[in-house]
Amino acid sequence: MRVRRSFVGCLVVFYLLAKVHVPLAIVFFLWIGIFNLMIVAQFWSFANVVYSKDEGERLFAIVGFGASLGAVVGAGTADRLIGPVGVYELMLLGAGVLVVQAVLTNVIDRREKERTHAIRSAEPKPVKKGAGMRAFAMVFQTRYLLLMALMLMLLNWVNTTGEYILGRIVKDTAQALVATGQSNGLTEAEVIGGFYSKYFGMVNILALLLQLFVVSRVVKHWGIRWAVMVLPMISLGAYNILVFLPVLYAVLSAKVAENATDYSLNNTVRNMLFLPCTYEEKFSAKQAIDSFFVRMGDVLSALLVFVGTTMLMIQPRTFAAVNAVLVLAWLALAWQVGRLYDIRSAQAQAPAPTPTAKTARASA
């Protein structure tokens, strides 16, 4: 709750500062990156505690549908209100939405408190000093968490590099259309802007449909072990195609399929992976993984693009080849993570050993 109150307060402060013409662009950009990570990670940590493993595998697809629907409705609402209401006033609307979310969280928390009493009673005491280091130590000392962290790092590395490949091909295509007079009078920036509006629309709509009709069926019939491998298999096929056919519609199809699957099936499954974890792993280790390791994928992608464009002068098809190699490592990690998920789940559901007569007499 303290984190949500802080975010609500930040939005109100941003609004007030904007009204007195204080420059906010860089600060708000940095803040929104932190907000996106923390609020989503906190939500899924809470969901992992509220639901048991069996409940989570059954219900997370519905929860994920709410997230996908929220992305579509939120974007449409902002588009409709930004003119009549104003850009900065939408910050206050966002703060109001966060307040509503906090109220709903409290209602759910009170309702489920009795059911999750056993978990809550085992909750470790808060560690004020070194809590961050403790979370990272937990990740590095637990094979399952470490492999999961590396898997998500590779996922983000591949995905972010794929966005560069798309952006590079879109820019080259827009320049060629303008130069040859085939842009219907649009400037290069307008061609690029129009493309990306359609691109994000296709991704959001496909993600929503996958979340509604596909995710629950994949989890039910294939299980988490195989569901976690779906996205890397799609990416492997996509980037192998781009190695030989690095044209706009090929990369568009590849990125729409990759991102829509990531935002729907993979996002749901990656949060299910924490269902057989301990309470502390769900809150502390998950925050470390979702913040540091995921963002490290962005850093590695930026480094790859920088070296590739400034020193090696490589083309998009070469970046696609590098991505294909990275996906092989990602696929191997996904297989291991899925295997360990099954092992952890079996251990969590195994009945406690019945005490022998000797141990019973000793305990008595």
Protein backbone atom coordinates (compact mmCIF):
# COMPACT_ATOMS: atom_id res chain seq x y z
CA MET A 1 0.00 0.00 0.00
CA ARG A 2 2.84 2.41 0.76
CA VAL A 3 4.19 1.91 -2.76
CA ARG A 4 0.79 2.65 -4.33
CA ARG A 5 0.33 5.76 -2.17
CA SER A 6 3.76 6.95 -3.29
CA PHE A 7 2.84 6.47 -6.94
CA VAL A 8 -0.47 8.31 -6.50
CA GLY A 9 1.38 11.15 -4.77
CA CYS A 10 3.95 11.31 -7.57
CA LEU A 11 1.23 11.69 -10.20
CA VAL A 12 -0.39 14.53 -8.26
CA VAL A 13 3.00 16.25 -7.84
CA PHE A 14 3.77 15.81 -11.55
CA TYR A 15 0.43 17.44 -12.39
CA LEU A 16 1.09 20.42 -10.11
CA LEU A 17 4.63 20.89 -11.43
CA ALA A 18 3.39 20.72 -15.01
CA LYS A 19 0.85 23.46 -14.28
CA VAL A 20 3.69 25.81 -13.26
CA HIS A 21 5.66 24.84 -16.40
CA VAL A 22 8.41 22.80 -14.73
CA PRO A 23 10.15 20.55 -17.34
CA LEU A 24 9.16 16.94 -16.61
CA ALA A 25 10.02 14.92 -19.71
CA ILE A 26 13.17 13.11 -18.52
CA VAL A 27 12.04 12.70 -14.92
CA PHE A 28 8.63 11.37 -15.95
CA PHE A 29 10.21 8.98 -18.47
CA LEU A 30 12.46 7.52 -15.76
CA TRP A 31 9.59 7.39 -13.26
CA ILE A 32 7.22 5.60 -15.64
CA GLY A 33 9.85 2.92 -16.24
CA ILE A 34 10.14 2.27 -12.50
CA PHE A 35 6.35 2.40 -12.09
CA ASN A 36 5.71 -0.12 -14.87
CA LEU A 37 8.10 -2.61 -13.30
CA MET A 38 7.10 -2.27 -9.66
CA ILE A 39 3.33 -2.06 -9.93
CA VAL A 40 3.07 -5.08 -12.23
CA ALA A 41 5.56 -7.15 -10.21
CA GLN A 42 3.73 -6.33 -6.99
CA PHE A 43 0.38 -7.28 -8.48
CA TRP A 44 1.55 -10.69 -9.65
CA SER A 45 3.33 -11.34 -6.35
CA PHE A 46 0.03 -10.65 -4.59
CA ALA A 47 -1.84 -12.90 -7.02
CA ASN A 48 0.67 -15.70 -6.40
CA VAL A 49 -0.09 -15.53 -2.68
CA VAL A 50 -3.86 -15.24 -3.04
CA TYR A 51 -4.17 -18.27 -5.32
CA SER A 52 -2.87 -21.76 -4.76
CA LYS A 53 -0.94 -23.53 -7.51
CA ASP A 54 -4.02 -25.28 -8.92
CA GLU A 55 -6.12 -22.11 -8.67
CA GLY A 56 -3.40 -20.04 -10.31
CA GLU A 57 -3.02 -22.41 -13.24
CA ARG A 58 -6.78 -22.23 -13.74
CA LEU A 59 -7.41 -18.53 -13.09
CA PHE A 60 -4.27 -16.63 -14.16
CA ALA A 61 -5.43 -16.76 -17.78
CA ILE A 62 -8.56 -14.81 -16.77
CA VAL A 63 -6.48 -12.36 -14.73
CA GLY A 64 -4.18 -11.92 -17.72
CA PHE A 65 -7.19 -11.23 -19.92
CA GLY A 66 -8.04 -8.33 -17.60
CA ALA A 67 -4.52 -6.98 -18.11
CA SER A 68 -4.77 -7.29 -21.91
CA LEU A 69 -8.22 -5.69 -21.93
CA GLY A 70 -6.94 -2.89 -19.72
CA ALA A 71 -4.17 -2.13 -22.22
CA VAL A 72 -6.67 -1.79 -25.06
CA VAL A 73 -9.24 0.19 -23.05
CA GLY A 74 -6.58 2.39 -21.47
CA ALA A 75 -5.04 3.31 -24.81
CA GLY A 76 -8.47 4.04 -26.30
CA THR A 77 -9.51 6.11 -23.28
CA ALA A 78 -6.36 8.20 -23.40
CA ASP A 79 -6.80 8.76 -27.13
CA ARG A 80 -10.40 9.99 -26.65
CA LEU A 81 -9.74 12.16 -23.58
CA ILE A 82 -6.39 13.73 -24.38
CA GLY A 83 -8.06 16.44 -26.48
CA PRO A 84 -11.07 17.49 -24.39
CA VAL A 85 -9.45 16.81 -21.00
CA GLY A 86 -5.76 17.59 -21.51
CA VAL A 87 -2.45 15.74 -21.26
CA TYR A 88 -1.60 16.59 -17.66
CA GLU A 89 -5.14 16.08 -16.39
CA LEU A 90 -4.80 12.44 -17.46
CA MET A 91 -2.20 12.12 -14.69
CA LEU A 92 -4.95 12.80 -12.17
CA LEU A 93 -7.15 10.24 -13.91
CA GLY A 94 -4.32 7.73 -13.62
CA ALA A 95 -3.96 8.53 -9.92
CA GLY A 96 -7.69 7.90 -9.48
CA VAL A 97 -7.41 4.53 -11.21
CA LEU A 98 -4.58 3.59 -8.83
CA VAL A 99 -6.75 4.50 -5.85
CA VAL A 100 -9.54 2.26 -7.16
CA GLN A 101 -7.01 -0.53 -7.64
CA ALA A 102 -5.79 -0.10 -4.07
CA VAL A 103 -9.34 -0.33 -2.73
CA LEU A 104 -10.00 -3.52 -4.71
CA THR A 105 -6.71 -4.99 -3.47
CA ASN A 106 -7.71 -4.30 0.14
CA VAL A 107 -11.10 -5.93 -0.39
CA ILE A 108 -9.50 -9.05 -1.87
CA ASP A 109 -6.84 -9.09 0.84
CA ARG A 110 -9.42 -9.00 3.65
CA ARG A 111 -11.54 -11.64 1.97
CA GLU A 112 -8.62 -14.00 1.44
CA LYS A 113 -6.79 -13.31 4.72
CA GLU A 114 -8.31 -16.27 6.55
CA ARG A 115 -7.68 -18.62 3.65
CA THR A 116 -4.02 -17.59 3.38
CA HIS A 117 -3.44 -17.39 7.14
CA ALA A 118 -0.97 -20.26 7.11
CA ILE A 119 1.17 -18.56 4.49
CA ARG A 120 1.01 -15.18 6.18
CA SER A 121 1.92 -16.60 9.58
CA ALA A 122 5.08 -18.02 8.04
CA GLU A 123 6.02 -14.70 6.49
CA PRO A 124 9.59 -13.70 7.43
CA LYS A 125 10.19 -10.59 9.46
CA PRO A 126 10.95 -7.53 7.30
CA VAL A 127 14.64 -6.96 6.81
CA LYS A 128 15.34 -3.26 6.74
CA LYS A 129 19.06 -3.52 6.02
CA GLY A 130 20.36 -5.50 3.11
CA ALA A 131 16.90 -6.56 1.90
CA GLY A 132 17.91 -6.01 -1.72
CA MET A 133 21.09 -8.03 -1.33
CA ARG A 134 19.10 -10.78 0.39
CA ALA A 135 16.74 -10.96 -2.60
CA PHE A 136 19.65 -11.26 -5.05
CA ALA A 137 21.35 -13.85 -2.84
CA MET A 138 18.14 -15.86 -2.90
CA VAL A 139 18.12 -15.79 -6.71
CA PHE A 140 21.77 -16.82 -7.07
CA GLN A 141 21.52 -19.56 -4.44
CA THR A 142 18.36 -21.17 -5.85
CA ARG A 143 18.85 -22.95 -9.17
CA TYR A 144 15.21 -22.65 -10.19
CA LEU A 145 15.14 -18.89 -9.59
CA LEU A 146 18.51 -18.34 -11.27
CA LEU A 147 17.53 -20.24 -14.40
CA MET A 148 14.24 -18.33 -14.49
CA ALA A 149 16.11 -15.02 -14.16
CA LEU A 150 18.51 -15.91 -16.99
CA MET A 151 15.60 -17.07 -19.15
CA LEU A 152 13.77 -13.74 -18.72
CA MET A 153 17.00 -11.84 -19.37
CA LEU A 154 17.46 -13.65 -22.68
CA LEU A 155 13.78 -13.13 -23.53
CA ASN A 156 14.12 -9.37 -23.13
CA TRP A 157 17.48 -9.32 -24.93
CA VAL A 158 15.96 -11.06 -27.96
CA ASN A 159 12.74 -9.04 -27.91
CA THR A 160 14.47 -5.65 -27.62
CA THR A 161 16.91 -6.50 -30.40
CA GLY A 162 13.93 -7.56 -32.49
CA GLU A 163 12.39 -4.13 -31.95
CA TYR A 164 15.60 -2.57 -33.30
CA ILE A 165 15.44 -4.82 -36.38
CA LEU A 166 11.84 -3.76 -36.96
CA GLY A 167 12.64 -0.07 -36.46
CA ARG A 168 15.60 -0.21 -38.82
CA ILE A 169 13.60 -1.89 -41.61
CA VAL A 170 10.62 0.45 -41.10
CA LYS A 171 12.89 3.49 -41.39
CA ASP A 172 14.62 2.18 -44.52
CA THR A 173 11.26 1.34 -46.09
CA ALA A 174 9.82 4.79 -45.26
CA GLN A 175 12.85 6.52 -46.79
CA ALA A 176 12.51 4.43 -49.96
CA LEU A 177 8.76 5.17 -50.26
CA VAL A 178 9.28 8.92 -49.89
CA ALA A 179 12.24 8.93 -52.30
CA THR A 180 10.29 7.09 -55.00
CA GLY A 181 7.08 9.11 -54.51
CA GLN A 182 5.06 6.11 -53.28
CA SER A 183 4.21 7.52 -49.83
CA ASN A 184 0.90 9.13 -50.92
CA GLY A 185 2.23 12.57 -50.02
CA LEU A 186 3.21 11.56 -46.48
CA THR A 187 6.51 12.53 -44.94
CA GLU A 188 8.95 9.92 -43.63
CA ALA A 189 7.87 10.61 -40.03
CA GLU A 190 4.18 10.26 -40.98
CA VAL A 191 4.80 6.94 -42.74
CA ILE A 192 6.65 5.62 -39.68
CA GLY A 193 4.00 6.92 -37.30
CA GLY A 194 1.18 5.37 -39.31
CA PHE A 195 2.99 2.04 -39.44
CA TYR A 196 3.56 1.90 -35.69
CA SER A 197 -0.03 2.83 -34.89
CA LYS A 198 -1.20 -0.15 -36.95
CA TYR A 199 1.55 -2.36 -35.53
CA PHE A 200 0.64 -1.72 -31.88
CA GLY A 201 -3.04 -2.08 -32.71
CA MET A 202 -2.45 -5.52 -34.25
CA VAL A 203 -0.31 -6.62 -31.31
CA ASN A 204 -2.90 -5.55 -28.71
CA ILE A 205 -5.85 -7.09 -30.53
CA LEU A 206 -4.07 -10.39 -31.19
CA ALA A 207 -2.82 -10.53 -27.58
CA LEU A 208 -6.37 -9.99 -26.35
CA LEU A 209 -7.72 -12.79 -28.55
CA LEU A 210 -4.94 -15.17 -27.52
CA GLN A 211 -5.55 -14.39 -23.85
CA LEU A 212 -9.28 -15.00 -24.24
CA PHE A 213 -9.31 -18.14 -26.39
CA VAL A 214 -5.88 -19.79 -26.33
CA VAL A 215 -3.95 -19.28 -23.07
CA SER A 216 -6.15 -21.33 -20.74
CA ARG A 217 -6.35 -24.19 -23.25
CA VAL A 218 -2.57 -24.32 -23.74
CA VAL A 219 -1.98 -24.38 -19.97
CA LYS A 220 -4.70 -26.98 -19.42
CA HIS A 221 -3.71 -29.39 -22.19
CA TRP A 222 0.05 -28.83 -22.43
CA GLY A 223 0.93 -27.81 -18.88
CA ILE A 224 3.37 -25.12 -17.74
CA ARG A 225 6.38 -27.20 -18.73
CA TRP A 226 5.54 -26.96 -22.43
CA ALA A 227 3.68 -23.65 -22.35
CA VAL A 228 6.85 -21.84 -21.26
CA MET A 229 8.55 -23.07 -24.46
CA VAL A 230 5.94 -21.74 -26.89
CA LEU A 231 7.32 -18.19 -27.20
CA PRO A 232 10.98 -19.18 -27.79
CA MET A 233 9.84 -21.66 -30.46
CA ILE A 234 7.87 -18.88 -32.19
CA SER A 235 10.87 -16.54 -31.93
CA LEU A 236 13.23 -19.21 -33.27
CA GLY A 237 11.10 -19.65 -36.37
CA ALA A 238 10.60 -15.91 -36.79
CA TYR A 239 14.27 -14.91 -36.68
CA ASN A 240 15.35 -17.79 -38.90
CA ILE A 241 12.88 -16.47 -41.50
CA LEU A 242 14.26 -12.94 -41.12
CA VAL A 243 17.80 -14.17 -41.78
CA PHE A 244 16.72 -15.07 -45.32
CA LEU A 245 13.85 -12.59 -45.83
CA PRO A 246 14.59 -9.30 -44.00
CA VAL A 247 11.70 -7.33 -45.54
CA LEU A 248 9.04 -5.19 -43.89
CA TYR A 249 6.07 -7.55 -43.93
CA ALA A 250 8.17 -10.51 -42.80
CA VAL A 251 9.54 -8.63 -39.78
CA LEU A 252 6.09 -7.17 -39.09
CA SER A 253 4.52 -10.64 -38.99
CA ALA A 254 7.37 -11.96 -36.83
CA LYS A 255 7.16 -9.15 -34.26
CA VAL A 256 3.36 -9.16 -34.08
CA ALA A 257 3.39 -12.91 -33.41
CA GLU A 258 6.24 -12.61 -30.91
CA ASN A 259 4.90 -9.64 -28.94
CA ALA A 260 1.27 -10.80 -28.92
CA THR A 261 2.36 -14.19 -27.56
CA ASP A 262 4.65 -12.50 -25.05
CA TYR A 263 1.93 -10.17 -23.75
CA SER A 264 -0.63 -12.98 -23.45
CA LEU A 265 0.52 -16.59 -23.05
CA ASN A 266 4.09 -15.95 -21.96
CA ASN A 267 3.22 -13.18 -19.51
CA THR A 268 0.65 -15.44 -17.86
CA VAL A 269 2.95 -18.46 -17.73
CA ARG A 270 5.99 -16.56 -16.43
CA ASN A 271 3.92 -15.44 -13.43
CA MET A 272 2.59 -18.97 -12.93
CA LEU A 273 6.20 -20.10 -12.53
CA PHE A 274 6.21 -18.54 -9.05
CA LEU A 275 3.17 -20.50 -7.83
CA PRO A 276 5.22 -23.32 -6.21
CA CYS A 277 7.65 -20.80 -4.65
CA THR A 278 7.85 -19.74 -1.02
CA TYR A 279 6.26 -16.52 0.22
CA GLU A 280 9.62 -14.74 0.37
CA GLU A 281 10.57 -15.92 -3.12
CA LYS A 282 7.27 -14.60 -4.49
CA PHE A 283 7.82 -11.11 -3.09
CA SER A 284 11.59 -10.56 -2.70
CA ALA A 285 13.17 -12.72 -5.39
CA LYS A 286 10.45 -11.92 -7.93
CA GLN A 287 11.10 -8.18 -7.53
CA ALA A 288 14.83 -8.73 -8.14
CA ILE A 289 14.17 -10.85 -11.23
CA ASP A 290 11.51 -8.56 -12.72
CA SER A 291 13.64 -5.47 -12.19
CA PHE A 292 17.35 -6.25 -12.54
CA PHE A 293 17.44 -9.29 -14.81
CA VAL A 294 14.71 -8.17 -17.17
CA ARG A 295 16.30 -4.73 -17.55
CA MET A 296 19.72 -6.36 -17.99
CA GLY A 297 18.28 -7.86 -21.17
CA ASP A 298 17.64 -4.32 -22.42
CA VAL A 299 21.21 -3.33 -21.54
CA LEU A 300 22.69 -6.31 -23.37
CA SER A 301 20.53 -5.55 -26.41
CA ALA A 302 21.67 -1.91 -26.39
CA LEU A 303 25.29 -3.06 -26.17
CA LEU A 304 24.78 -5.52 -29.04
CA VAL A 305 23.16 -2.87 -31.24
CA PHE A 306 25.84 -0.29 -30.40
CA VAL A 307 28.71 -2.64 -31.24
CA GLY A 308 26.92 -4.00 -34.30
CA THR A 309 26.09 -0.60 -35.79
CA THR A 310 29.16 1.46 -34.86
CA MET A 311 32.00 -1.07 -35.01
CA LEU A 312 30.89 -4.01 -37.13
CA MET A 313 28.41 -2.21 -39.42
CA ILE A 314 26.17 -5.26 -39.63
CA GLN A 315 22.78 -5.40 -41.33
CA PRO A 316 19.38 -6.38 -39.88
CA ARG A 317 19.64 -9.95 -41.18
CA THR A 318 22.84 -10.43 -39.14
CA PHE A 319 21.09 -9.16 -36.00
CA ALA A 320 18.34 -11.67 -36.77
CA ALA A 321 20.97 -14.44 -36.96
CA VAL A 322 22.39 -13.41 -33.58
CA ASN A 323 18.87 -13.44 -32.16
CA ALA A 324 18.30 -16.95 -33.52
CA VAL A 325 21.41 -18.16 -31.64
CA LEU A 326 20.27 -16.43 -28.44
CA VAL A 327 16.85 -18.05 -28.79
CA LEU A 328 18.48 -21.49 -28.75
CA ALA A 329 19.97 -20.69 -25.33
CA TRP A 330 16.62 -19.27 -24.21
CA LEU A 331 14.83 -22.43 -25.37
CA ALA A 332 17.25 -24.63 -23.40
CA LEU A 333 16.68 -22.55 -20.26
CA ALA A 334 12.89 -22.68 -20.76
CA TRP A 335 13.02 -26.47 -20.92
CA GLN A 336 15.03 -26.63 -17.68
CA VAL A 337 12.74 -24.13 -15.93
CA GLY A 338 9.66 -26.11 -16.98
CA ARG A 339 11.22 -29.33 -15.70
CA LEU A 340 12.10 -27.77 -12.34
CA TYR A 341 8.59 -26.29 -12.10
CA ASP A 342 7.14 -29.80 -12.28
CA ILE A 343 9.61 -31.02 -9.65
CA ARG A 344 8.80 -28.13 -7.29
CA SER A 345 5.09 -28.59 -7.80
CA ALA A 346 5.32 -32.29 -7.00
CA GLN A 347 7.35 -31.56 -3.86
CA ALA A 348 4.87 -28.90 -2.72
CA GLN A 349 1.92 -31.26 -3.14
CA ALA A 350 3.59 -34.32 -1.61
CA PRO A 351 1.97 -35.33 1.69
CA ALA A 352 4.02 -34.88 4.84
CA PRO A 353 5.71 -38.11 5.97
CA THR A 354 3.82 -40.06 8.62
CA PRO A 355 5.84 -40.23 11.85
CA THR A 356 7.04 -43.68 12.84
CA ALA A 357 6.23 -45.19 16.21
CA LYS A 358 9.73 -44.42 17.44
CA THR A 359 9.53 -40.74 16.47
CA ALA A 360 6.01 -40.54 17.86
CA ARG A 361 7.20 -41.83 21.27
CA ALA A 362 10.15 -39.43 21.16
CA SER A 363 7.94 -36.43 20.36
CA ALA A 364 5.53 -37.44 23.09
